[in-house]
Amino acid sequence: MTAGAVEPHEVTTPVTARPVIRVGAPTERRNPLSADLDLMSTRDVLTVINEADRRVPGAVAAVLDEIAATVDLAVTALRGGHRVHYFGAGTSGRLGVIDAAELAPTFNSPRHWFCAHIAGGPEAMWRAVEDAEDDDRGGAAEAADCVRAGDLVVGLAASGRTPYVLGALAASGAKGASTVLLCANPEAQAARSVDVFIGVDTGPEVVTGSTRMKAGTAQKLVLNTFSTAVMVRLGRVYSNLMIDMVATNAKLRGRMISILIEATGCSEEICRRALNEADGDMKVALVSLVSGVEVSAARAALSRSADQVRGALALLAS
């Protein structure tokens, strides 16, 4: 072999340059209030973060009308036998998974009511899956596979431009689902392509581009507000008491007794007895105690009122 020749195993193929996108969302801008964060004392770092976080509740308050519209869409969908879907990537996707996962144990809601989809699949809950959020076709294909007409699809994207999320929203809308985009960019162009746009103005992050901070906090607050209100509207709360909870441990079994005492004013002994007679069904025990009817009558009234406590009590009162 001549001098300077390259051995066969040394031959390399040029690497194709990967796409680069510079995002102009507010979350990507530099925050002047946190300049030189790395030179501050620990206490001052915490103060800067805490003061920035104070902006979030006000930003959420500014979009309550849009959240209310989303709640109404979800209630309509669920009452019609349809589902609510969350599509997100990265932090946004993880927050959607958390919200959906917490509803069944908190409100005893059917597990199929809320479905969470995250770019990159379950593995993306623990690590970043390369280029997953840039896969608009993957988002569209996933939505086409599981979303049905009448469903509600909520896209979660801090920047408001995540391709995976926008692909899922477009495919869902084409199938006849209602669509919502929740983001931290009030100027997102995708606002025009969804039924409801929730653009929470949280501004630049303390650490530039770290949307797990204010943008993530805002998304968590909106999701908490949204899903809790949906459960209230569907009758899974009586007054301000959880009445559809699943008692899977000693603390929760004790909480059921405490809630019955609060709701009815009866003694602990009476509430325990009613709950036992109702086979652990707190709604049945509650209706029985408030109306003064036997457990069997309370169960029948709930059945006739679509499992709504207020409706069952009204039936028994008449």
Protein backbone atom coordinates (compact mmCIF):
# COMPACT_ATOMS: atom_id res chain seq x y z
CA MET A 1 0.00 0.00 0.00
CA THR A 2 1.37 3.42 -0.93
CA ALA A 3 2.32 5.91 1.72
CA GLY A 4 -0.55 8.03 2.95
CA ALA A 5 -3.19 5.56 1.78
CA VAL A 6 -6.13 5.01 4.13
CA GLU A 7 -6.69 1.52 5.49
CA PRO A 8 -10.19 0.16 4.64
CA HIS A 9 -11.34 0.18 8.28
CA GLU A 10 -10.48 3.87 8.52
CA VAL A 11 -12.82 4.95 5.74
CA THR A 12 -15.61 7.17 7.14
CA THR A 13 -18.81 8.54 5.68
CA PRO A 14 -19.55 12.22 6.14
CA VAL A 15 -22.18 12.78 8.83
CA THR A 16 -25.24 14.57 7.53
CA ALA A 17 -25.81 17.77 9.45
CA ARG A 18 -28.85 17.52 11.70
CA PRO A 19 -31.60 20.15 11.46
CA VAL A 20 -31.23 23.11 13.78
CA ILE A 21 -34.16 25.32 14.77
CA ARG A 22 -33.85 28.49 16.80
CA VAL A 23 -37.07 29.00 18.73
CA GLY A 24 -38.29 32.54 19.35
CA ALA A 25 -40.71 31.71 22.17
CA PRO A 26 -40.58 33.87 25.34
CA THR A 27 -39.26 30.87 27.29
CA GLU A 28 -36.09 30.95 25.17
CA ARG A 29 -35.26 34.59 25.88
CA ARG A 30 -32.70 35.64 28.46
CA ASN A 31 -34.04 36.84 31.81
CA PRO A 32 -32.19 40.00 32.93
CA LEU A 33 -33.31 39.47 36.54
CA SER A 34 -31.25 36.29 36.83
CA ALA A 35 -28.05 37.49 35.16
CA ASP A 36 -24.92 36.20 36.93
CA LEU A 37 -27.02 33.57 38.70
CA ASP A 38 -23.93 31.41 39.01
CA LEU A 39 -22.15 34.11 41.02
CA MET A 40 -24.91 34.50 43.61
CA SER A 41 -25.08 32.97 47.06
CA THR A 42 -27.31 29.92 47.47
CA ARG A 43 -29.90 32.04 49.31
CA ASP A 44 -29.94 34.66 46.55
CA VAL A 45 -30.37 31.97 43.86
CA LEU A 46 -33.39 30.65 45.73
CA THR A 47 -34.80 34.17 46.13
CA VAL A 48 -34.52 34.87 42.40
CA ILE A 49 -36.27 31.59 41.55
CA ASN A 50 -38.99 32.15 44.13
CA GLU A 51 -39.68 35.70 42.95
CA ALA A 52 -39.90 34.50 39.36
CA ASP A 53 -42.33 31.76 40.37
CA ARG A 54 -44.67 34.38 41.83
CA ARG A 55 -45.56 35.38 38.29
CA VAL A 56 -47.07 32.01 37.45
CA PRO A 57 -50.43 32.08 39.33
CA GLY A 58 -51.27 35.47 37.82
CA ALA A 59 -50.40 34.22 34.35
CA VAL A 60 -52.72 31.23 34.87
CA ALA A 61 -55.49 33.50 36.18
CA ALA A 62 -55.35 35.41 32.88
CA VAL A 63 -56.39 32.29 30.91
CA LEU A 64 -59.19 30.95 33.15
CA ASP A 65 -61.81 31.56 30.43
CA GLU A 66 -59.87 29.33 28.05
CA ILE A 67 -59.42 26.68 30.74
CA ALA A 68 -63.17 26.81 31.43
CA ALA A 69 -63.90 26.24 27.75
CA THR A 70 -61.56 23.23 27.82
CA VAL A 71 -63.31 21.83 30.91
CA ASP A 72 -66.68 22.07 29.14
CA LEU A 73 -65.28 20.25 26.10
CA ALA A 74 -63.89 17.48 28.31
CA VAL A 75 -67.14 17.05 30.24
CA THR A 76 -69.09 16.81 26.99
CA ALA A 77 -66.65 14.26 25.61
CA LEU A 78 -66.62 12.06 28.73
CA ARG A 79 -70.39 12.17 29.18
CA GLY A 80 -70.68 11.08 25.56
CA GLY A 81 -68.52 8.01 26.13
CA HIS A 82 -65.39 9.54 24.62
CA ARG A 83 -61.91 10.22 26.01
CA VAL A 84 -59.46 13.00 26.84
CA HIS A 85 -55.94 12.71 25.43
CA TYR A 86 -52.75 14.55 26.42
CA PHE A 87 -49.96 14.76 23.82
CA GLY A 88 -46.63 16.24 24.89
CA ALA A 89 -42.87 15.98 24.72
CA GLY A 90 -40.18 16.35 27.37
CA THR A 91 -41.32 18.12 30.55
CA SER A 92 -44.72 18.88 29.03
CA GLY A 93 -45.29 15.23 28.16
CA ARG A 94 -44.21 14.08 31.62
CA LEU A 95 -46.63 16.49 33.27
CA GLY A 96 -49.45 15.11 31.12
CA VAL A 97 -48.58 11.57 32.18
CA ILE A 98 -48.54 12.59 35.86
CA ASP A 99 -51.91 14.33 35.66
CA ALA A 100 -53.60 11.43 33.89
CA ALA A 101 -52.06 8.88 36.27
CA GLU A 102 -53.32 10.68 39.38
CA LEU A 103 -57.00 10.87 38.42
CA ALA A 104 -57.97 7.24 38.88
CA PRO A 105 -56.60 6.90 42.43
CA THR A 106 -57.86 10.35 43.45
CA PHE A 107 -61.34 10.32 41.93
CA ASN A 108 -61.84 6.63 41.08
CA SER A 109 -62.35 7.70 37.47
CA PRO A 110 -62.28 5.01 34.78
CA ARG A 111 -58.68 4.57 33.63
CA HIS A 112 -59.62 4.96 29.98
CA TRP A 113 -61.03 8.47 30.47
CA PHE A 114 -57.64 10.22 30.34
CA CYS A 115 -54.90 8.92 28.02
CA ALA A 116 -51.40 10.41 28.09
CA HIS A 117 -49.03 10.19 25.14
CA ILE A 118 -45.39 11.28 25.32
CA ALA A 119 -42.99 11.65 22.42
CA GLY A 120 -40.53 8.77 22.55
CA GLY A 121 -42.85 6.49 24.51
CA PRO A 122 -42.57 5.36 28.17
CA GLU A 123 -38.78 5.51 28.08
CA ALA A 124 -39.03 9.29 27.62
CA MET A 125 -40.35 9.59 31.18
CA TRP A 126 -36.81 8.93 32.41
CA ARG A 127 -34.49 10.23 29.72
CA ALA A 128 -34.52 12.40 26.63
CA VAL A 129 -35.27 10.34 23.51
CA GLU A 130 -33.31 11.83 20.62
CA ASP A 131 -35.36 13.74 18.03
CA ALA A 132 -38.65 12.31 19.35
CA GLU A 133 -40.27 15.71 19.76
CA ASP A 134 -39.36 16.65 16.17
CA ASP A 135 -41.36 13.73 14.78
CA ASP A 136 -44.58 15.31 13.56
CA ARG A 137 -45.42 12.20 11.57
CA GLY A 138 -45.01 10.08 14.70
CA GLY A 139 -47.42 12.33 16.61
CA ALA A 140 -49.90 12.22 13.75
CA ALA A 141 -49.67 8.44 13.46
CA GLU A 142 -50.16 7.93 17.19
CA ALA A 143 -53.21 10.18 17.20
CA ALA A 144 -54.65 8.52 14.10
CA ASP A 145 -54.31 5.16 15.83
CA CYS A 146 -56.13 5.99 19.07
CA VAL A 147 -58.11 9.25 18.81
CA ARG A 148 -61.74 9.03 17.76
CA ALA A 149 -64.34 11.59 16.72
CA GLY A 150 -65.85 13.16 19.82
CA ASP A 151 -62.65 12.87 21.89
CA LEU A 152 -60.82 15.88 23.32
CA VAL A 153 -57.10 16.21 22.56
CA VAL A 154 -54.94 18.57 24.61
CA GLY A 155 -51.50 19.35 23.19
CA LEU A 156 -48.81 20.31 25.71
CA ALA A 157 -45.85 22.27 24.36
CA ALA A 158 -43.97 25.01 26.22
CA SER A 159 -42.93 26.72 22.98
CA GLY A 160 -46.23 26.10 21.19
CA ARG A 161 -44.42 24.68 18.17
CA THR A 162 -43.34 21.12 19.08
CA PRO A 163 -43.76 19.08 15.86
CA TYR A 164 -44.85 15.86 17.60
CA VAL A 165 -47.62 17.76 19.40
CA LEU A 166 -48.76 19.76 16.38
CA GLY A 167 -48.81 16.62 14.26
CA ALA A 168 -51.04 14.91 16.82
CA LEU A 169 -53.38 17.92 17.03
CA ALA A 170 -53.74 18.15 13.25
CA ALA A 171 -54.49 14.43 12.90
CA SER A 172 -56.95 14.56 15.80
CA GLY A 173 -58.82 17.51 14.35
CA ALA A 174 -59.07 15.71 11.02
CA LYS A 175 -60.72 12.76 12.81
CA GLY A 176 -63.38 14.97 14.39
CA ALA A 177 -61.86 15.44 17.85
CA SER A 178 -61.87 18.78 19.67
CA THR A 179 -58.37 20.21 20.03
CA VAL A 180 -56.65 22.41 22.62
CA LEU A 181 -53.07 23.72 22.75
CA LEU A 182 -51.57 24.60 26.13
CA CYS A 183 -48.25 26.44 25.95
CA ALA A 184 -46.16 29.25 27.44
CA ASN A 185 -46.07 31.26 24.23
CA PRO A 186 -49.09 33.58 23.84
CA GLU A 187 -47.99 34.37 20.28
CA ALA A 188 -47.76 30.77 19.05
CA GLN A 189 -48.79 30.50 15.40
CA ALA A 190 -50.58 27.21 16.09
CA ALA A 191 -53.20 29.13 18.07
CA ARG A 192 -55.17 29.53 14.85
CA SER A 193 -55.35 25.80 14.17
CA VAL A 194 -57.01 24.57 17.39
CA ASP A 195 -60.45 24.95 18.95
CA VAL A 196 -59.11 26.42 22.20
CA PHE A 197 -55.72 28.07 22.70
CA ILE A 198 -54.28 28.45 26.22
CA GLY A 199 -51.19 30.63 25.99
CA VAL A 200 -49.84 31.26 29.48
CA ASP A 201 -47.49 34.25 29.57
CA THR A 202 -44.77 33.13 32.00
CA GLY A 203 -41.97 35.03 30.27
CA PRO A 204 -38.26 34.16 30.17
CA GLU A 205 -37.01 31.47 32.51
CA VAL A 206 -34.54 32.04 35.36
CA VAL A 207 -32.25 29.58 33.58
CA THR A 208 -32.66 30.41 29.90
CA GLY A 209 -34.65 27.79 28.06
CA SER A 210 -35.28 25.57 31.09
CA THR A 211 -39.00 25.12 30.58
CA ARG A 212 -39.22 22.70 33.50
CA MET A 213 -39.32 25.86 35.62
CA LYS A 214 -42.00 28.58 35.22
CA ALA A 215 -43.47 27.12 32.02
CA GLY A 216 -43.65 23.67 33.62
CA THR A 217 -45.14 25.07 36.82
CA ALA A 218 -47.80 26.87 34.80
CA GLN A 219 -48.65 23.72 32.87
CA LYS A 220 -48.92 21.76 36.12
CA LEU A 221 -51.26 24.39 37.59
CA VAL A 222 -53.42 24.46 34.47
CA LEU A 223 -53.64 20.66 34.31
CA ASN A 224 -54.48 20.43 38.03
CA THR A 225 -57.15 23.11 37.61
CA PHE A 226 -58.54 21.59 34.44
CA SER A 227 -58.78 17.94 35.50
CA THR A 228 -60.04 18.74 38.99
CA ALA A 229 -62.79 20.95 37.57
CA VAL A 230 -63.73 18.16 35.15
CA MET A 231 -64.12 15.74 38.06
CA VAL A 232 -66.21 18.28 39.98
CA ARG A 233 -68.51 18.81 36.98
CA LEU A 234 -68.88 15.03 36.62
CA GLY A 235 -70.10 14.69 40.21
CA ARG A 236 -67.02 13.09 41.72
CA VAL A 237 -66.88 15.76 44.42
CA TYR A 238 -69.63 16.54 46.95
CA SER A 239 -69.35 20.10 48.28
CA ASN A 240 -65.54 20.24 48.46
CA LEU A 241 -65.11 16.63 49.57
CA MET A 242 -63.61 13.74 47.60
CA ILE A 243 -66.31 11.08 47.53
CA ASP A 244 -65.08 8.77 44.78
CA MET A 245 -61.68 7.99 46.22
CA VAL A 246 -60.18 4.51 46.33
CA ALA A 247 -59.12 3.48 49.85
CA THR A 248 -55.93 1.52 49.15
CA ASN A 249 -54.21 2.11 52.48
CA ALA A 250 -54.90 2.85 56.16
CA LYS A 251 -54.60 6.63 55.71
CA LEU A 252 -57.17 6.67 52.92
CA ARG A 253 -59.54 4.41 54.84
CA GLY A 254 -59.34 6.87 57.69
CA ARG A 255 -59.92 9.75 55.27
CA MET A 256 -63.14 8.12 54.07
CA ILE A 257 -64.47 8.08 57.63
CA SER A 258 -63.41 11.70 58.17
CA ILE A 259 -65.14 12.80 54.96
CA LEU A 260 -68.36 11.02 55.91
CA ILE A 261 -68.29 12.72 59.32
CA GLU A 262 -67.75 16.12 57.68
CA ALA A 263 -70.47 15.58 55.07
CA THR A 264 -73.15 14.19 57.35
CA GLY A 265 -72.41 15.40 60.87
CA CYS A 266 -72.84 11.82 62.11
CA SER A 267 -70.60 10.16 64.67
CA GLU A 268 -67.59 8.09 63.69
CA GLU A 269 -69.35 4.93 64.82
CA ILE A 270 -72.39 5.59 62.64
CA CYS A 271 -70.22 6.46 59.65
CA ARG A 272 -68.14 3.29 60.05
CA ARG A 273 -71.30 1.20 60.23
CA ALA A 274 -72.81 2.83 57.14
CA LEU A 275 -69.59 2.37 55.18
CA ASN A 276 -69.44 -1.30 56.13
CA GLU A 277 -73.07 -1.82 55.13
CA ALA A 278 -72.30 -0.12 51.80
CA ASP A 279 -69.40 -2.54 51.20
CA GLY A 280 -66.92 0.34 51.30
CA ASP A 281 -68.77 2.46 48.73
CA MET A 282 -68.53 5.96 50.18
CA LYS A 283 -71.14 7.48 47.84
CA VAL A 284 -73.71 4.89 48.83
CA ALA A 285 -72.93 5.42 52.52
CA LEU A 286 -73.14 9.19 52.09
CA VAL A 287 -76.51 9.13 50.33
CA SER A 288 -77.86 6.70 52.92
CA LEU A 289 -76.76 8.84 55.85
CA VAL A 290 -77.85 12.20 54.42
CA SER A 291 -81.26 10.99 53.21
CA GLY A 292 -81.93 8.53 56.04
CA VAL A 293 -82.76 5.65 53.68
CA GLU A 294 -81.44 2.11 53.70
CA VAL A 295 -78.26 1.33 51.81
CA SER A 296 -80.18 -0.58 49.12
CA ALA A 297 -82.39 2.45 48.44
CA ALA A 298 -79.36 4.74 48.33
CA ARG A 299 -77.63 2.46 45.82
CA ALA A 300 -80.75 2.35 43.64
CA ALA A 301 -81.08 6.15 43.69
CA LEU A 302 -77.45 6.55 42.64
CA SER A 303 -78.02 4.10 39.80
CA ARG A 304 -81.02 6.10 38.60
CA SER A 305 -79.09 9.39 38.75
CA ALA A 306 -75.97 8.36 36.81
CA ASP A 307 -74.06 7.88 40.07
CA GLN A 308 -74.47 11.55 41.04
CA VAL A 309 -74.85 12.18 44.78
CA ARG A 310 -76.77 15.45 44.36
CA GLY A 311 -79.07 13.80 41.84
CA ALA A 312 -79.67 10.78 44.09
CA LEU A 313 -80.49 13.00 47.06
CA ALA A 314 -82.92 15.03 44.94
CA LEU A 315 -84.65 11.82 43.81
CA LEU A 316 -85.01 10.59 47.38
CA ALA A 317 -86.23 13.99 48.60
CA SER A 318 -89.02 13.98 46.04
